[in-house]
N, C-alpha and C. Protein backbone atom coordinates (compact mmCIF):
# COMPACT_ATOMS: atom_id res chain seq x y z
N UNK A 1 21.20 -13.78 48.52
CA UNK A 1 21.10 -12.28 48.43
C UNK A 1 21.82 -11.80 47.11
N UNK A 2 22.81 -12.44 46.73
CA UNK A 2 23.53 -11.89 45.54
C UNK A 2 22.72 -12.22 44.23
N UNK A 3 21.93 -13.21 44.20
CA UNK A 3 21.13 -13.61 43.02
C UNK A 3 20.00 -12.63 43.08
N UNK A 4 19.41 -12.33 44.22
CA UNK A 4 18.40 -11.24 44.20
C UNK A 4 18.79 -9.84 43.82
N UNK A 5 20.01 -9.44 44.17
CA UNK A 5 20.36 -8.18 43.78
C UNK A 5 20.62 -8.11 42.25
N UNK A 6 21.22 -9.21 41.64
CA UNK A 6 21.48 -9.24 40.24
C UNK A 6 20.29 -9.26 39.49
N UNK A 7 19.31 -10.02 40.02
CA UNK A 7 17.94 -10.01 39.34
C UNK A 7 17.27 -8.68 39.37
N UNK A 8 17.40 -8.03 40.49
CA UNK A 8 16.88 -6.61 40.62
C UNK A 8 17.62 -5.61 39.71
N UNK A 9 18.90 -5.81 39.55
CA UNK A 9 19.66 -4.91 38.59
C UNK A 9 19.22 -5.15 37.21
N UNK A 10 19.01 -6.39 36.75
CA UNK A 10 18.60 -6.81 35.47
C UNK A 10 17.10 -6.28 35.22
N UNK A 11 16.35 -6.32 36.21
CA UNK A 11 14.99 -5.74 36.09
C UNK A 11 14.97 -4.24 35.85
N UNK A 12 15.80 -3.58 36.72
CA UNK A 12 15.82 -2.12 36.71
C UNK A 12 16.46 -1.60 35.26
N UNK A 13 17.43 -2.49 34.72
CA UNK A 13 17.96 -2.16 33.42
C UNK A 13 17.04 -2.34 32.48
N UNK A 14 16.22 -3.33 32.46
CA UNK A 14 15.16 -3.67 31.38
C UNK A 14 14.07 -2.65 31.42
N UNK A 15 13.76 -2.21 32.67
CA UNK A 15 12.74 -1.11 32.74
C UNK A 15 13.19 0.23 32.23
N UNK A 16 14.41 0.35 32.43
CA UNK A 16 14.95 1.79 32.05
C UNK A 16 15.11 1.71 30.44
N UNK A 17 15.48 0.62 29.83
CA UNK A 17 15.58 0.40 28.49
C UNK A 17 14.15 0.56 27.86
N UNK A 18 13.12 -0.05 28.54
CA UNK A 18 11.80 0.09 27.96
C UNK A 18 11.38 1.50 28.06
N UNK A 19 11.68 2.30 29.12
CA UNK A 19 11.25 3.51 29.11
C UNK A 19 11.82 4.44 28.17
N UNK A 20 13.09 4.21 27.87
CA UNK A 20 13.88 4.85 26.74
C UNK A 20 13.22 4.67 25.38
N UNK A 21 12.87 3.31 25.14
CA UNK A 21 12.19 2.95 23.97
C UNK A 21 11.00 3.71 23.74
N UNK A 22 10.06 3.62 24.85
CA UNK A 22 8.86 4.26 24.77
C UNK A 22 8.91 5.86 24.57
N UNK A 23 9.90 6.51 25.05
CA UNK A 23 10.08 7.83 24.82
C UNK A 23 10.57 8.13 23.42
N UNK A 24 11.37 7.28 22.85
CA UNK A 24 11.69 7.54 21.49
C UNK A 24 10.63 7.22 20.60
N UNK A 25 9.81 6.27 20.94
CA UNK A 25 8.69 5.79 20.04
C UNK A 25 7.68 6.99 19.93
N UNK A 26 7.46 7.51 21.14
CA UNK A 26 6.31 8.52 21.27
C UNK A 26 6.84 9.67 20.49
N UNK A 27 8.25 10.04 20.50
CA UNK A 27 8.64 11.18 19.68
C UNK A 27 8.42 11.03 18.10
N UNK A 28 8.66 9.79 17.63
CA UNK A 28 8.47 9.48 16.42
C UNK A 28 7.13 9.32 15.72
N UNK A 29 6.12 9.12 16.57
CA UNK A 29 4.82 8.88 16.25
C UNK A 29 4.26 10.29 15.70
N UNK A 30 3.41 10.18 14.64
CA UNK A 30 2.82 11.39 14.12
C UNK A 30 1.38 11.54 14.76
N UNK A 31 1.19 12.62 15.24
CA UNK A 31 -0.18 12.87 15.97
C UNK A 31 -1.21 12.93 14.86
N UNK A 32 -2.29 12.21 15.23
CA UNK A 32 -3.45 12.10 14.15
C UNK A 32 -3.90 13.45 13.69
N UNK A 33 -3.93 14.52 14.45
CA UNK A 33 -4.37 15.70 13.82
C UNK A 33 -3.35 16.40 13.01
N UNK A 34 -2.05 16.04 12.93
CA UNK A 34 -1.10 16.61 11.99
C UNK A 34 -0.77 15.64 10.93
N UNK A 35 -1.38 14.45 10.97
CA UNK A 35 -1.01 13.48 9.84
C UNK A 35 -1.77 13.94 8.69
N UNK A 36 -1.02 13.71 7.57
CA UNK A 36 -1.60 14.25 6.14
C UNK A 36 -2.87 13.25 5.83
N UNK A 37 -3.98 13.84 5.53
CA UNK A 37 -5.12 12.94 5.23
C UNK A 37 -5.36 12.99 3.74
N UNK A 38 -5.68 11.82 3.25
CA UNK A 38 -5.89 11.73 1.79
C UNK A 38 -7.33 11.13 1.64
N UNK A 39 -8.16 11.99 0.88
CA UNK A 39 -9.48 11.48 0.76
C UNK A 39 -9.62 10.25 -0.23
N UNK A 40 -10.79 9.55 -0.01
CA UNK A 40 -10.83 8.32 -0.72
C UNK A 40 -11.09 8.63 -2.34
N UNK A 41 -11.68 9.74 -2.67
CA UNK A 41 -11.69 10.01 -4.12
C UNK A 41 -10.42 10.36 -4.77
N UNK A 42 -9.54 10.99 -3.83
CA UNK A 42 -8.20 11.36 -4.35
C UNK A 42 -7.40 10.10 -4.45
N UNK A 43 -7.47 9.20 -3.43
CA UNK A 43 -6.78 7.98 -3.68
C UNK A 43 -7.38 7.08 -4.80
N UNK A 44 -8.49 6.96 -5.07
CA UNK A 44 -9.16 6.49 -6.18
C UNK A 44 -8.65 6.87 -7.56
N UNK A 45 -8.60 8.26 -7.57
CA UNK A 45 -8.26 8.85 -8.83
C UNK A 45 -6.76 8.56 -9.12
N UNK A 46 -5.94 8.59 -8.11
CA UNK A 46 -4.44 8.31 -8.20
C UNK A 46 -4.17 6.91 -8.72
N UNK A 47 -4.99 6.00 -8.21
CA UNK A 47 -4.78 4.60 -8.55
C UNK A 47 -5.42 4.39 -9.99
N UNK A 48 -6.46 5.04 -10.29
CA UNK A 48 -6.79 5.00 -11.70
C UNK A 48 -5.94 5.45 -12.70
N UNK A 49 -5.30 6.48 -12.36
CA UNK A 49 -4.17 7.08 -13.11
C UNK A 49 -3.11 6.26 -13.32
N UNK A 50 -2.69 5.44 -12.16
CA UNK A 50 -1.54 4.51 -12.30
C UNK A 50 -1.85 3.28 -13.39
N UNK A 51 -3.24 2.95 -13.15
CA UNK A 51 -3.57 1.93 -14.05
C UNK A 51 -3.62 2.35 -15.50
N UNK A 52 -4.26 3.45 -15.75
CA UNK A 52 -4.12 4.10 -17.06
C UNK A 52 -2.60 4.20 -17.54
N UNK A 53 -1.70 4.63 -16.73
CA UNK A 53 -0.32 4.74 -17.25
C UNK A 53 0.25 3.32 -17.60
N UNK A 54 -0.26 2.30 -16.82
CA UNK A 54 0.33 1.01 -17.06
C UNK A 54 -0.13 0.47 -18.44
N UNK A 55 -1.56 0.80 -18.59
CA UNK A 55 -2.15 0.42 -19.92
C UNK A 55 -1.37 1.14 -21.18
N UNK A 56 -1.14 2.42 -20.95
CA UNK A 56 -0.39 3.16 -21.93
C UNK A 56 1.05 2.70 -22.18
N UNK A 57 1.78 2.37 -21.21
CA UNK A 57 3.08 1.78 -21.36
C UNK A 57 3.05 0.47 -22.01
N UNK A 58 2.09 -0.36 -21.74
CA UNK A 58 1.98 -1.75 -22.36
C UNK A 58 1.56 -1.51 -23.91
N UNK A 59 0.75 -0.56 -24.18
CA UNK A 59 0.33 -0.28 -25.50
C UNK A 59 1.61 0.18 -26.32
N UNK A 60 2.42 1.01 -25.76
CA UNK A 60 3.63 1.67 -26.40
C UNK A 60 4.59 0.54 -26.64
N UNK A 61 4.65 -0.34 -25.61
CA UNK A 61 5.78 -1.46 -25.91
C UNK A 61 5.27 -2.33 -26.94
N UNK A 62 4.00 -2.64 -27.04
CA UNK A 62 3.54 -3.44 -28.20
C UNK A 62 3.84 -2.85 -29.46
N UNK A 63 3.45 -1.50 -29.52
CA UNK A 63 3.83 -0.73 -30.81
C UNK A 63 5.23 -0.81 -31.16
N UNK A 64 6.04 -0.57 -30.15
CA UNK A 64 7.58 -0.52 -30.42
C UNK A 64 8.16 -2.00 -30.84
N UNK A 65 7.42 -3.09 -30.24
CA UNK A 65 7.84 -4.26 -30.62
C UNK A 65 7.33 -4.65 -31.93
N UNK A 66 6.17 -4.18 -32.31
CA UNK A 66 5.59 -4.48 -33.65
C UNK A 66 6.45 -3.72 -34.77
N UNK A 67 6.85 -2.58 -34.39
CA UNK A 67 7.67 -1.84 -35.49
C UNK A 67 9.05 -2.21 -35.53
N UNK A 68 9.56 -3.11 -34.55
CA UNK A 68 10.95 -3.58 -34.59
C UNK A 68 11.84 -2.71 -33.88
N UNK A 69 11.46 -1.67 -33.09
CA UNK A 69 12.30 -0.78 -32.41
C UNK A 69 13.05 -1.59 -31.17
N UNK A 70 12.17 -2.34 -30.54
CA UNK A 70 12.65 -3.13 -29.33
C UNK A 70 12.30 -4.55 -29.72
N UNK A 71 13.32 -5.42 -29.34
CA UNK A 71 12.99 -6.79 -29.54
C UNK A 71 12.97 -7.68 -28.20
N UNK A 72 12.83 -7.00 -27.15
CA UNK A 72 13.03 -7.63 -25.87
C UNK A 72 11.47 -8.19 -25.44
N UNK A 73 11.27 -9.51 -25.75
CA UNK A 73 10.04 -9.98 -25.52
C UNK A 73 9.68 -10.10 -24.02
N UNK A 74 10.70 -10.26 -23.22
CA UNK A 74 10.48 -10.53 -21.73
C UNK A 74 9.91 -9.08 -21.21
N UNK A 75 10.49 -8.21 -21.52
CA UNK A 75 9.84 -6.80 -21.01
C UNK A 75 8.54 -6.64 -21.51
N UNK A 76 8.22 -7.00 -22.78
CA UNK A 76 6.87 -6.78 -23.33
C UNK A 76 5.89 -7.68 -22.46
N UNK A 77 6.25 -8.87 -22.31
CA UNK A 77 5.28 -9.64 -21.57
C UNK A 77 5.09 -9.32 -20.18
N UNK A 78 6.22 -8.82 -19.40
CA UNK A 78 5.98 -8.38 -18.09
C UNK A 78 5.08 -7.12 -18.14
N UNK A 79 5.28 -6.18 -18.96
CA UNK A 79 4.47 -4.90 -18.96
C UNK A 79 2.99 -5.33 -19.34
N UNK A 80 2.90 -6.37 -20.24
CA UNK A 80 1.55 -6.79 -20.53
C UNK A 80 0.87 -7.44 -19.22
N UNK A 81 1.56 -8.10 -18.43
CA UNK A 81 0.90 -8.87 -17.29
C UNK A 81 0.63 -7.77 -16.32
N UNK A 82 1.57 -6.95 -16.03
CA UNK A 82 1.29 -5.86 -15.08
C UNK A 82 0.08 -5.13 -15.38
N UNK A 83 -0.10 -4.72 -16.70
CA UNK A 83 -1.35 -3.95 -17.09
C UNK A 83 -2.56 -4.82 -16.95
N UNK A 84 -2.47 -6.08 -17.31
CA UNK A 84 -3.68 -6.99 -17.09
C UNK A 84 -3.99 -7.13 -15.66
N UNK A 85 -3.03 -7.49 -14.88
CA UNK A 85 -3.29 -7.62 -13.34
C UNK A 85 -3.97 -6.33 -12.75
N UNK A 86 -3.28 -5.10 -13.05
CA UNK A 86 -3.88 -3.95 -12.62
C UNK A 86 -5.38 -3.69 -13.12
N UNK A 87 -5.68 -4.02 -14.26
CA UNK A 87 -6.90 -3.88 -14.75
C UNK A 87 -7.92 -4.85 -14.05
N UNK A 88 -7.50 -6.09 -13.86
CA UNK A 88 -8.22 -7.14 -13.11
C UNK A 88 -8.59 -6.66 -11.74
N UNK A 89 -7.62 -6.10 -11.10
CA UNK A 89 -7.83 -5.67 -9.69
C UNK A 89 -8.71 -4.31 -9.72
N UNK A 90 -8.62 -3.60 -10.58
CA UNK A 90 -9.41 -2.47 -10.62
C UNK A 90 -10.93 -3.00 -10.90
N UNK A 91 -11.17 -3.80 -11.73
CA UNK A 91 -12.35 -4.38 -12.10
C UNK A 91 -13.11 -5.08 -10.78
N UNK A 92 -12.09 -5.73 -10.01
CA UNK A 92 -12.53 -6.52 -8.91
C UNK A 92 -12.98 -5.41 -7.75
N UNK A 93 -12.25 -4.42 -7.62
CA UNK A 93 -12.53 -3.38 -6.63
C UNK A 93 -13.90 -2.69 -6.96
N UNK A 94 -14.04 -2.41 -8.40
CA UNK A 94 -15.24 -1.72 -8.85
C UNK A 94 -16.43 -2.49 -8.26
N UNK A 95 -16.23 -4.02 -8.73
CA UNK A 95 -17.38 -4.93 -8.36
C UNK A 95 -17.76 -4.98 -6.90
N UNK A 96 -16.81 -4.91 -5.96
CA UNK A 96 -16.96 -4.79 -4.61
C UNK A 96 -17.45 -3.63 -4.08
N UNK A 97 -17.20 -2.42 -4.75
CA UNK A 97 -17.88 -1.15 -4.45
C UNK A 97 -19.20 -1.11 -4.86
N UNK A 98 -19.56 -1.60 -5.88
CA UNK A 98 -21.02 -1.60 -6.43
C UNK A 98 -21.76 -2.63 -5.48
N UNK A 99 -21.21 -3.72 -5.12
CA UNK A 99 -21.88 -4.63 -4.23
C UNK A 99 -22.24 -3.91 -2.88
N UNK A 100 -21.25 -3.22 -2.31
CA UNK A 100 -21.47 -2.53 -1.07
C UNK A 100 -22.60 -1.47 -1.21
N UNK A 101 -22.61 -0.73 -2.25
CA UNK A 101 -23.60 0.29 -2.60
C UNK A 101 -24.77 -0.33 -2.67
N UNK A 102 -25.11 -1.36 -3.41
CA UNK A 102 -26.29 -2.08 -3.53
C UNK A 102 -26.81 -2.48 -2.23
N UNK A 103 -25.92 -3.04 -1.38
CA UNK A 103 -26.32 -3.57 -0.06
C UNK A 103 -26.73 -2.48 0.95
N UNK A 104 -26.05 -1.32 0.77
CA UNK A 104 -26.43 -0.04 1.55
C UNK A 104 -27.87 0.39 1.09
N UNK A 105 -28.11 0.41 -0.25
CA UNK A 105 -29.36 0.82 -0.70
C UNK A 105 -30.53 -0.08 -0.25
N UNK A 106 -30.25 -1.53 -0.12
CA UNK A 106 -31.30 -2.31 0.45
C UNK A 106 -31.63 -2.23 1.90
N UNK A 107 -30.81 -1.48 2.60
CA UNK A 107 -30.96 -1.29 4.11
C UNK A 107 -32.27 -0.34 4.33
N UNK A 108 -32.99 -0.70 5.15
CA UNK A 108 -34.17 -0.06 5.58
C UNK A 108 -33.80 1.16 6.60
N UNK A 109 -34.36 2.23 6.43
CA UNK A 109 -33.94 3.36 7.33
C UNK A 109 -35.15 3.92 8.08
């Protein structure tokens, strides 16, 4: 009998802890109708602006390194790699979007 009552108390305690968690989680969740929505074109424009900024930063760092203003080769190489990777990713996404568009255009309606 003692083991059964201890088990029941543990079960009730776990159930109340779960209920408290569910309540706090529900309060923290953002309802879909109040969630900020960002259009695809807005997100795409923002991403392209970031890529452009990375390219400009890398270009400025190359110029400052060439003129002798900065001599930190590590920062230069890191910024060049970041810009290169961002451009490669942008190119890959562009290719996939074009592939998807072409596939949609081939679908019979």
